[in-house]
Amino acid sequence: MNEVPATPEYSLGQRVRVVLNEHNRTPHEGEIYLSVWHFKLERYHYWIVEGGKRISKRYAASDLEPVENG
């Protein structure tokens, strides 16, 4: 069994945007409110909150891109 990486690619509260592709067709932009290591897939999954509403879909790091604050 592989070890969990020390730090996920995105941190809690970090502002991100969903990268639109064949798997992600709905645009979302918000903050990371939860990150969970998936042992079988060996990667983190992220959930975001947009405008106070939690988005139920989970995202991999490759599904997200950081948004600069400002």
PDB file of N, CA and C in Angstrom:
ATOM      1  N   MET A   1       0.844  -1.179   0.000  1.00  0.00           N
ATOM      2  CA  MET A   1       0.000   0.000   0.000  1.00  0.00           C
ATOM      3  C   MET A   1       0.886   1.238   0.000  1.00  0.00           C
ATOM      4  N   ASN A   2       0.564   2.176  -0.883  1.00  0.00           N
ATOM      5  CA  ASN A   2       1.340   3.410  -0.967  1.00  0.00           C
ATOM      6  C   ASN A   2       0.948   4.377   0.129  1.00  0.00           C
ATOM      7  N   GLU A   3       1.875   5.238   0.453  1.00  0.00           N
ATOM      8  CA  GLU A   3       1.648   6.248   1.477  1.00  0.00           C
ATOM      9  C   GLU A   3       0.842   7.413   0.913  1.00  0.00           C
ATOM     10  N   VAL A   4       0.120   8.086   1.787  1.00  0.00           N
ATOM     11  CA  VAL A   4      -0.613   9.288   1.406  1.00  0.00           C
ATOM     12  C   VAL A   4       0.397  10.426   1.262  1.00  0.00           C
ATOM     13  N   PRO A   5       0.332  11.189   0.161  1.00  0.00           N
ATOM     14  CA  PRO A   5       1.234  12.334   0.028  1.00  0.00           C
ATOM     15  C   PRO A   5       1.033  13.304   1.189  1.00  0.00           C
ATOM     16  N   ALA A   6       2.097  13.942   1.594  1.00  0.00           N
ATOM     17  CA  ALA A   6       2.054  14.839   2.752  1.00  0.00           C
ATOM     18  C   ALA A   6       1.063  15.984   2.549  1.00  0.00           C
ATOM     19  N   THR A   7       1.031  16.555   1.356  1.00  0.00           N
ATOM     20  CA  THR A   7       0.126  17.671   1.117  1.00  0.00           C
ATOM     21  C   THR A   7      -0.615  17.484  -0.199  1.00  0.00           C
ATOM     22  N   PRO A   8      -1.895  17.779  -0.199  1.00  0.00           N
ATOM     23  CA  PRO A   8      -2.654  17.705  -1.449  1.00  0.00           C
ATOM     24  C   PRO A   8      -2.264  18.854  -2.383  1.00  0.00           C
ATOM     25  N   GLU A   9      -2.625  18.730  -3.646  1.00  0.00           N
ATOM     26  CA  GLU A   9      -2.302  19.759  -4.634  1.00  0.00           C
ATOM     27  C   GLU A   9      -2.992  21.077  -4.323  1.00  0.00           C
ATOM     28  N   TYR A  10      -4.195  21.021  -3.758  1.00  0.00           N
ATOM     29  CA  TYR A  10      -4.964  22.217  -3.401  1.00  0.00           C
ATOM     30  C   TYR A  10      -5.240  22.200  -1.910  1.00  0.00           C
ATOM     31  N   SER A  11      -5.254  23.373  -1.302  1.00  0.00           N
ATOM     32  CA  SER A  11      -5.486  23.467   0.137  1.00  0.00           C
ATOM     33  C   SER A  11      -6.913  23.909   0.421  1.00  0.00           C
ATOM     34  N   LEU A  12      -7.378  23.616   1.612  1.00  0.00           N
ATOM     35  CA  LEU A  12      -8.720  24.016   2.016  1.00  0.00           C
ATOM     36  C   LEU A  12      -8.833  25.534   1.944  1.00  0.00           C
ATOM     37  N   GLY A  13      -9.921  26.004   1.383  1.00  0.00           N
ATOM     38  CA  GLY A  13     -10.142  27.434   1.244  1.00  0.00           C
ATOM     39  C   GLY A  13      -9.558  28.038  -0.019  1.00  0.00           C
ATOM     40  N   GLN A  14      -8.765  27.265  -0.741  1.00  0.00           N
ATOM     41  CA  GLN A  14      -8.157  27.780  -1.975  1.00  0.00           C
ATOM     42  C   GLN A  14      -9.226  27.938  -3.052  1.00  0.00           C
ATOM     43  N   ARG A  15      -9.155  29.048  -3.775  1.00  0.00           N
ATOM     44  CA  ARG A  15     -10.125  29.334  -4.839  1.00  0.00           C
ATOM     45  C   ARG A  15      -9.713  28.596  -6.119  1.00  0.00           C
ATOM     46  N   VAL A  16     -10.673  27.871  -6.698  1.00  0.00           N
ATOM     47  CA  VAL A  16     -10.408  27.075  -7.902  1.00  0.00           C
ATOM     48  C   VAL A  16     -11.556  27.224  -8.895  1.00  0.00           C
ATOM     49  N   ARG A  17     -11.281  26.824 -10.127  1.00  0.00           N
ATOM     50  CA  ARG A  17     -12.262  26.800 -11.210  1.00  0.00           C
ATOM     51  C   ARG A  17     -12.240  25.394 -11.799  1.00  0.00           C
ATOM     52  N   VAL A  18     -13.415  24.890 -12.179  1.00  0.00           N
ATOM     53  CA  VAL A  18     -13.515  23.580 -12.816  1.00  0.00           C
ATOM     54  C   VAL A  18     -13.091  23.709 -14.276  1.00  0.00           C
ATOM     55  N   VAL A  19     -12.215  22.805 -14.709  1.00  0.00           N
ATOM     56  CA  VAL A  19     -11.786  22.746 -16.106  1.00  0.00           C
ATOM     57  C   VAL A  19     -12.861  21.996 -16.887  1.00  0.00           C
ATOM     58  N   LEU A  20     -13.427  22.657 -17.896  1.00  0.00           N
ATOM     59  CA  LEU A  20     -14.493  22.035 -18.677  1.00  0.00           C
ATOM     60  C   LEU A  20     -13.913  21.071 -19.706  1.00  0.00           C
ATOM     61  N   ASN A  21     -14.499  19.862 -19.756  1.00  0.00           N
ATOM     62  CA  ASN A  21     -14.080  18.828 -20.702  1.00  0.00           C
ATOM     63  C   ASN A  21     -15.218  17.812 -20.836  1.00  0.00           C
ATOM     64  N   GLU A  22     -14.942  16.650 -21.379  1.00  0.00           N
ATOM     65  CA  GLU A  22     -16.007  15.661 -21.578  1.00  0.00           C
ATOM     66  C   GLU A  22     -16.594  15.134 -20.265  1.00  0.00           C
ATOM     67  N   HIS A  23     -15.861  15.257 -19.159  1.00  0.00           N
ATOM     68  CA  HIS A  23     -16.347  14.795 -17.852  1.00  0.00           C
ATOM     69  C   HIS A  23     -16.976  15.916 -17.035  1.00  0.00           C
ATOM     70  N   ASN A  24     -16.555  17.130 -17.273  1.00  0.00           N
ATOM     71  CA  ASN A  24     -17.028  18.291 -16.512  1.00  0.00           C
ATOM     72  C   ASN A  24     -17.644  19.291 -17.477  1.00  0.00           C
ATOM     73  N   ARG A  25     -18.957  19.310 -17.518  1.00  0.00           N
ATOM     74  CA  ARG A  25     -19.650  20.172 -18.486  1.00  0.00           C
ATOM     75  C   ARG A  25     -20.284  21.392 -17.844  1.00  0.00           C
ATOM     76  N   THR A  26     -20.327  21.431 -16.521  1.00  0.00           N
ATOM     77  CA  THR A  26     -20.932  22.560 -15.823  1.00  0.00           C
ATOM     78  C   THR A  26     -19.831  23.421 -15.210  1.00  0.00           C
ATOM     79  N   PRO A  27     -19.785  24.705 -15.567  1.00  0.00           N
ATOM     80  CA  PRO A  27     -18.750  25.566 -14.990  1.00  0.00           C
ATOM     81  C   PRO A  27     -19.046  25.866 -13.517  1.00  0.00           C
ATOM     82  N   HIS A  28     -18.013  25.779 -12.708  1.00  0.00           N
ATOM     83  CA  HIS A  28     -18.102  26.136 -11.294  1.00  0.00           C
ATOM     84  C   HIS A  28     -16.820  26.849 -10.908  1.00  0.00           C
ATOM     85  N   GLU A  29     -16.952  27.791  -9.977  1.00  0.00           N
ATOM     86  CA  GLU A  29     -15.792  28.455  -9.389  1.00  0.00           C
ATOM     87  C   GLU A  29     -16.105  28.668  -7.919  1.00  0.00           C
ATOM     88  N   GLY A  30     -15.197  28.243  -7.063  1.00  0.00           N
ATOM     89  CA  GLY A  30     -15.431  28.365  -5.634  1.00  0.00           C
ATOM     90  C   GLY A  30     -14.207  27.993  -4.839  1.00  0.00           C
ATOM     91  N   GLU A  31     -14.414  27.656  -3.570  1.00  0.00           N
ATOM     92  CA  GLU A  31     -13.323  27.304  -2.668  1.00  0.00           C
ATOM     93  C   GLU A  31     -13.379  25.822  -2.323  1.00  0.00           C
ATOM     94  N   ILE A  32     -12.205  25.241  -2.139  1.00  0.00           N
ATOM     95  CA  ILE A  32     -12.104  23.854  -1.682  1.00  0.00           C
ATOM     96  C   ILE A  32     -12.590  23.797  -0.234  1.00  0.00           C
ATOM     97  N   TYR A  33     -13.572  22.934   0.055  1.00  0.00           N
ATOM     98  CA  TYR A  33     -14.005  22.774   1.440  1.00  0.00           C
ATOM     99  C   TYR A  33     -13.689  21.386   1.995  1.00  0.00           C
ATOM    100  N   LEU A  34     -13.292  20.454   1.114  1.00  0.00           N
ATOM    101  CA  LEU A  34     -12.968  19.111   1.584  1.00  0.00           C
ATOM    102  C   LEU A  34     -12.003  18.461   0.604  1.00  0.00           C
ATOM    103  N   SER A  35     -10.984  17.798   1.131  1.00  0.00           N
ATOM    104  CA  SER A  35     -10.093  16.984   0.296  1.00  0.00           C
ATOM    105  C   SER A  35      -9.902  15.648   0.987  1.00  0.00           C
ATOM    106  N   VAL A  36     -10.010  14.580   0.206  1.00  0.00           N
ATOM    107  CA  VAL A  36      -9.943  13.221   0.750  1.00  0.00           C
ATOM    108  C   VAL A  36      -9.025  12.392  -0.134  1.00  0.00           C
ATOM    109  N   TRP A  37      -8.113  11.644   0.490  1.00  0.00           N
ATOM    110  CA  TRP A  37      -7.231  10.752  -0.250  1.00  0.00           C
ATOM    111  C   TRP A  37      -7.999   9.495  -0.617  1.00  0.00           C
ATOM    112  N   HIS A  38      -7.979   9.128  -1.885  1.00  0.00           N
ATOM    113  CA  HIS A  38      -8.626   7.910  -2.371  1.00  0.00           C
ATOM    114  C   HIS A  38      -7.536   6.839  -2.502  1.00  0.00           C
ATOM    115  N   PHE A  39      -7.539   5.870  -1.608  1.00  0.00           N
ATOM    116  CA  PHE A  39      -6.461   4.883  -1.554  1.00  0.00           C
ATOM    117  C   PHE A  39      -6.392   4.016  -2.813  1.00  0.00           C
ATOM    118  N   LYS A  40      -7.528   3.595  -3.333  1.00  0.00           N
ATOM    119  CA  LYS A  40      -7.527   2.720  -4.499  1.00  0.00           C
ATOM    120  C   LYS A  40      -7.011   3.445  -5.749  1.00  0.00           C
ATOM    121  N   LEU A  41      -7.441   4.684  -5.946  1.00  0.00           N
ATOM    122  CA  LEU A  41      -6.997   5.468  -7.101  1.00  0.00           C
ATOM    123  C   LEU A  41      -5.686   6.210  -6.852  1.00  0.00           C
ATOM    124  N   GLU A  42      -5.272   6.234  -5.597  1.00  0.00           N
ATOM    125  CA  GLU A  42      -4.021   6.884  -5.175  1.00  0.00           C
ATOM    126  C   GLU A  42      -3.940   8.342  -5.621  1.00  0.00           C
ATOM    127  N   ARG A  43      -4.998   9.082  -5.286  1.00  0.00           N
ATOM    128  CA  ARG A  43      -5.024  10.520  -5.563  1.00  0.00           C
ATOM    129  C   ARG A  43      -6.043  11.183  -4.649  1.00  0.00           C
ATOM    130  N   TYR A  44      -5.894  12.486  -4.519  1.00  0.00           N
ATOM    131  CA  TYR A  44      -6.858  13.255  -3.736  1.00  0.00           C
ATOM    132  C   TYR A  44      -8.089  13.558  -4.578  1.00  0.00           C
ATOM    133  N   HIS A  45      -9.221  13.637  -3.907  1.00  0.00           N
ATOM    134  CA  HIS A  45     -10.454  14.141  -4.501  1.00  0.00           C
ATOM    135  C   HIS A  45     -10.829  15.395  -3.730  1.00  0.00           C
ATOM    136  N   TYR A  46     -11.439  16.329  -4.424  1.00  0.00           N
ATOM    137  CA  TYR A  46     -11.770  17.630  -3.855  1.00  0.00           C
ATOM    138  C   TYR A  46     -13.243  17.933  -4.063  1.00  0.00           C
ATOM    139  N   TRP A  47     -13.818  18.634  -3.092  1.00  0.00           N
ATOM    140  CA  TRP A  47     -15.177  19.147  -3.193  1.00  0.00           C
ATOM    141  C   TRP A  47     -15.111  20.644  -3.003  1.00  0.00           C
ATOM    142  N   ILE A  48     -15.958  21.371  -3.760  1.00  0.00           N
ATOM    143  CA  ILE A  48     -15.923  22.827  -3.677  1.00  0.00           C
ATOM    144  C   ILE A  48     -17.268  23.389  -3.219  1.00  0.00           C
ATOM    145  N   VAL A  49     -17.206  24.597  -2.697  1.00  0.00           N
ATOM    146  CA  VAL A  49     -18.399  25.354  -2.335  1.00  0.00           C
ATOM    147  C   VAL A  49     -18.397  26.603  -3.205  1.00  0.00           C
ATOM    148  N   GLU A  50     -19.538  26.865  -3.834  1.00  0.00           N
ATOM    149  CA  GLU A  50     -19.679  27.988  -4.751  1.00  0.00           C
ATOM    150  C   GLU A  50     -20.841  28.855  -4.287  1.00  0.00           C
ATOM    151  N   GLY A  51     -20.540  30.099  -3.931  1.00  0.00           N
ATOM    152  CA  GLY A  51     -21.603  31.004  -3.486  1.00  0.00           C
ATOM    153  C   GLY A  51     -22.367  30.491  -2.286  1.00  0.00           C
ATOM    154  N   GLY A  52     -21.694  29.820  -1.380  1.00  0.00           N
ATOM    155  CA  GLY A  52     -22.334  29.276  -0.185  1.00  0.00           C
ATOM    156  C   GLY A  52     -23.002  27.922  -0.380  1.00  0.00           C
ATOM    157  N   LYS A  53     -23.013  27.415  -1.618  1.00  0.00           N
ATOM    158  CA  LYS A  53     -23.648  26.122  -1.905  1.00  0.00           C
ATOM    159  C   LYS A  53     -22.588  25.074  -2.206  1.00  0.00           C
ATOM    160  N   ARG A  54     -22.671  23.943  -1.526  1.00  0.00           N
ATOM    161  CA  ARG A  54     -21.732  22.849  -1.765  1.00  0.00           C
ATOM    162  C   ARG A  54     -22.086  22.136  -3.065  1.00  0.00           C
ATOM    163  N   ILE A  55     -21.087  21.956  -3.906  1.00  0.00           N
ATOM    164  CA  ILE A  55     -21.260  21.214  -5.147  1.00  0.00           C
ATOM    165  C   ILE A  55     -21.038  19.739  -4.816  1.00  0.00           C
ATOM    166  N   SER A  56     -21.987  18.882  -5.162  1.00  0.00           N
ATOM    167  CA  SER A  56     -21.923  17.481  -4.731  1.00  0.00           C
ATOM    168  C   SER A  56     -20.895  16.660  -5.495  1.00  0.00           C
ATOM    169  N   LYS A  57     -20.479  17.101  -6.670  1.00  0.00           N
ATOM    170  CA  LYS A  57     -19.524  16.337  -7.466  1.00  0.00           C
ATOM    171  C   LYS A  57     -18.119  16.437  -6.874  1.00  0.00           C
ATOM    172  N   ARG A  58     -17.392  15.327  -6.922  1.00  0.00           N
ATOM    173  CA  ARG A  58     -15.998  15.343  -6.489  1.00  0.00           C
ATOM    174  C   ARG A  58     -15.109  15.557  -7.709  1.00  0.00           C
ATOM    175  N   TYR A  59     -13.971  16.176  -7.489  1.00  0.00           N
ATOM    176  CA  TYR A  59     -13.056  16.494  -8.578  1.00  0.00           C
ATOM    177  C   TYR A  59     -11.655  16.015  -8.248  1.00  0.00           C
ATOM    178  N   ALA A  60     -10.943  15.563  -9.278  1.00  0.00           N
ATOM    179  CA  ALA A  60      -9.512  15.270  -9.149  1.00  0.00           C
ATOM    180  C   ALA A  60      -8.756  16.578  -9.362  1.00  0.00           C
ATOM    181  N   ALA A  61      -7.485  16.594  -9.005  1.00  0.00           N
ATOM    182  CA  ALA A  61      -6.675  17.808  -9.178  1.00  0.00           C
ATOM    183  C   ALA A  61      -6.638  18.243 -10.636  1.00  0.00           C
ATOM    184  N   SER A  62      -6.635  17.281 -11.562  1.00  0.00           N
ATOM    185  CA  SER A  62      -6.587  17.607 -12.986  1.00  0.00           C
ATOM    186  C   SER A  62      -7.884  18.242 -13.482  1.00  0.00           C
ATOM    187  N   ASP A  63      -8.966  18.142 -12.705  1.00  0.00           N
ATOM    188  CA  ASP A  63     -10.251  18.755 -13.058  1.00  0.00           C
ATOM    189  C   ASP A  63     -10.343  20.205 -12.630  1.00  0.00           C
ATOM    190  N   LEU A  64      -9.342  20.670 -11.894  1.00  0.00           N
ATOM    191  CA  LEU A  64      -9.391  22.013 -11.303  1.00  0.00           C
ATOM    192  C   LEU A  64      -8.188  22.832 -11.729  1.00  0.00           C
ATOM    193  N   GLU A  65      -8.359  24.161 -11.659  1.00  0.00           N
ATOM    194  CA  GLU A  65      -7.239  25.072 -11.863  1.00  0.00           C
ATOM    195  C   GLU A  65      -7.366  26.188 -10.842  1.00  0.00           C
ATOM    196  N   PRO A  66      -6.244  26.669 -10.322  1.00  0.00           N
ATOM    197  CA  PRO A  66      -6.314  27.734  -9.313  1.00  0.00           C
ATOM    198  C   PRO A  66      -6.799  29.047  -9.910  1.00  0.00           C
ATOM    199  N   VAL A  67      -7.471  29.833  -9.088  1.00  0.00           N
ATOM    200  CA  VAL A  67      -7.935  31.158  -9.465  1.00  0.00           C
ATOM    201  C   VAL A  67      -7.204  32.148  -8.568  1.00  0.00           C
ATOM    202  N   GLU A  68      -6.590  33.132  -9.188  1.00  0.00           N
ATOM    203  CA  GLU A  68      -5.879  34.152  -8.408  1.00  0.00           C
ATOM    204  C   GLU A  68      -6.874  35.030  -7.674  1.00  0.00           C
ATOM    205  N   ASN A  69      -6.621  35.295  -6.407  1.00  0.00           N
ATOM    206  CA  ASN A  69      -7.468  36.202  -5.633  1.00  0.00           C
ATOM    207  C   ASN A  69      -7.110  37.628  -6.028  1.00  0.00           C
ATOM    208  N   GLY A  70      -8.127  38.404  -6.281  1.00  0.00           N
ATOM    209  CA  GLY A  70      -7.854  39.786  -6.616  1.00  0.00           C
ATOM    210  C   GLY A  70      -8.652  40.208  -7.714  1.00  0.00           C
TER     211      GLY A  70
END
